[in-house]
Amino acid sequence: MTEDVTGTARAQVPARLLDLSMGGALLDCRRITPDPPIAVGDRVFVNIRCRGDLDPFATEGRAVLWQASSHLGSDRERLLAIQFDEVTGPAAEILEELMAQAWAEIRGRAGTGL
């Protein structure tokens, strides 16, 4: 899954989805610094495009974490956590389907009947 994150100042940032829940998402922004920058508390719009025949999931929310951490030498990770606004209607159905798809992938990798 890939994401585009758009902040209050309309920076568009490609990101990789690390975690997804009904309430929010944690994104790896791939060492990219948004311009203009996204700050904690900013309103953001996220558009998650999926593999397969699922429609993209698009919603708004608030940046609750913007962390640039250094580990393993000079590698930089930029993590952005977003708390979604209330997700209803068709967007909620798409999000539920994304969650079911992710759960099926986890079960398949574990090779168990989780």
Protein backbone atom coordinates (compact mmCIF):
# COMPACT_ATOMS: atom_id res chain seq x y z
CA MET A 1 0.00 0.00 0.00
CA THR A 2 1.22 3.47 -0.73
CA GLU A 3 0.06 6.75 0.67
CA ASP A 4 0.10 10.39 -0.20
CA VAL A 5 -0.11 12.68 2.80
CA THR A 6 -1.15 16.28 2.33
CA GLY A 7 -0.72 18.68 5.25
CA THR A 8 -2.40 21.95 6.12
CA ALA A 9 0.03 23.83 3.90
CA ARG A 10 -0.58 21.32 1.07
CA ALA A 11 2.76 19.49 1.05
CA GLN A 12 2.40 16.16 -0.75
CA VAL A 13 4.56 13.39 0.70
CA PRO A 14 4.85 9.80 -0.54
CA ALA A 15 4.89 7.38 2.37
CA ARG A 16 4.86 3.69 3.25
CA LEU A 17 2.13 2.40 5.55
CA LEU A 18 3.57 0.83 8.71
CA ASP A 19 0.41 0.45 10.78
CA LEU A 20 -3.27 0.99 10.16
CA SER A 21 -6.24 0.96 12.51
CA MET A 22 -9.79 2.23 12.46
CA GLY A 23 -8.49 5.31 14.31
CA GLY A 24 -5.34 6.21 12.47
CA ALA A 25 -2.16 5.30 10.63
CA LEU A 26 1.59 5.28 11.16
CA LEU A 27 3.55 6.21 8.05
CA ASP A 28 7.21 6.03 7.07
CA CYS A 29 7.86 9.11 4.93
CA ARG A 30 11.03 7.59 3.45
CA ARG A 31 13.57 10.12 4.55
CA ILE A 32 11.64 12.90 2.80
CA THR A 33 11.20 16.29 4.42
CA PRO A 34 7.85 17.78 3.39
CA ASP A 35 7.93 21.28 2.00
CA PRO A 36 6.10 23.06 3.51
CA PRO A 37 6.66 21.01 6.67
CA ILE A 38 3.97 19.09 8.56
CA ALA A 39 3.86 19.81 12.30
CA VAL A 40 2.19 17.99 15.17
CA GLY A 41 -1.37 19.27 15.35
CA ASP A 42 -1.61 20.09 11.63
CA ARG A 43 -4.68 18.96 9.73
CA VAL A 44 -3.72 16.35 7.13
CA PHE A 45 -5.39 14.49 4.30
CA VAL A 46 -4.30 10.92 3.59
CA ASN A 47 -4.98 8.95 0.43
CA ILE A 48 -4.09 5.24 0.74
CA ARG A 49 -3.89 3.36 -2.53
CA CYS A 50 -4.07 -0.42 -2.31
CA ARG A 51 -3.13 -3.47 -4.29
CA GLY A 52 -5.95 -5.31 -5.96
CA ASP A 53 -9.35 -3.99 -6.79
CA LEU A 54 -10.01 -1.94 -3.65
CA ASP A 55 -10.83 1.72 -4.04
CA PRO A 56 -8.37 4.16 -2.46
CA PHE A 57 -9.08 5.11 1.15
CA ALA A 58 -9.10 8.87 1.63
CA THR A 59 -9.76 10.73 4.86
CA GLU A 60 -8.70 13.69 6.94
CA GLY A 61 -7.19 13.80 10.38
CA ARG A 62 -4.57 15.41 12.55
CA ALA A 63 -0.82 14.79 12.76
CA VAL A 64 -0.17 13.51 16.28
CA LEU A 65 3.49 12.52 15.87
CA TRP A 66 6.18 13.70 13.51
CA GLN A 67 9.44 12.07 14.43
CA ALA A 68 12.77 12.03 12.66
CA SER A 69 14.92 9.46 14.43
CA SER A 70 18.45 8.45 13.68
CA HIS A 71 19.61 4.88 14.12
CA LEU A 72 21.99 2.49 12.39
CA GLY A 73 24.46 5.18 11.49
CA SER A 74 23.30 7.96 9.23
CA ASP A 75 20.01 6.37 8.14
CA ARG A 76 17.04 8.59 8.90
CA GLU A 77 13.43 7.57 9.34
CA ARG A 78 10.63 10.06 9.31
CA LEU A 79 7.57 8.68 11.02
CA LEU A 80 4.22 10.41 10.85
CA ALA A 81 1.29 9.28 12.98
CA ILE A 82 -2.15 10.46 11.96
CA GLN A 83 -5.31 10.29 14.04
CA PHE A 84 -8.25 10.06 11.65
CA ASP A 85 -11.37 12.13 11.98
CA GLU A 86 -14.49 9.99 12.32
CA VAL A 87 -14.58 7.64 9.33
CA THR A 88 -18.11 6.93 8.09
CA GLY A 89 -19.96 5.84 4.97
CA PRO A 90 -18.09 4.40 1.99
CA ALA A 91 -14.71 5.38 3.46
CA ALA A 92 -15.44 3.26 6.56
CA GLU A 93 -16.29 0.28 4.35
CA ILE A 94 -13.02 0.65 2.44
CA LEU A 95 -11.07 0.93 5.70
CA GLU A 96 -12.74 -2.22 7.06
CA GLU A 97 -11.82 -4.06 3.86
CA LEU A 98 -8.21 -2.85 4.14
CA MET A 99 -8.09 -4.12 7.71
CA ALA A 100 -9.48 -7.51 6.65
CA GLN A 101 -6.94 -7.73 3.82
CA ALA A 102 -4.06 -6.92 6.18
CA TRP A 103 -5.29 -9.50 8.70
CA ALA A 104 -5.45 -12.17 5.96
CA GLU A 105 -1.85 -11.34 4.96
CA ILE A 106 -0.69 -11.62 8.58
CA ARG A 107 -2.43 -14.95 9.00
CA GLY A 108 -0.90 -16.23 5.76
CA ARG A 109 2.62 -15.24 6.82
CA ALA A 110 2.18 -16.80 10.24
CA GLY A 111 0.94 -20.02 8.64
CA THR A 112 -1.52 -20.45 11.48
CA GLY A 113 -5.20 -20.16 12.08
CA LEU A 114 -4.92 -16.92 14.02
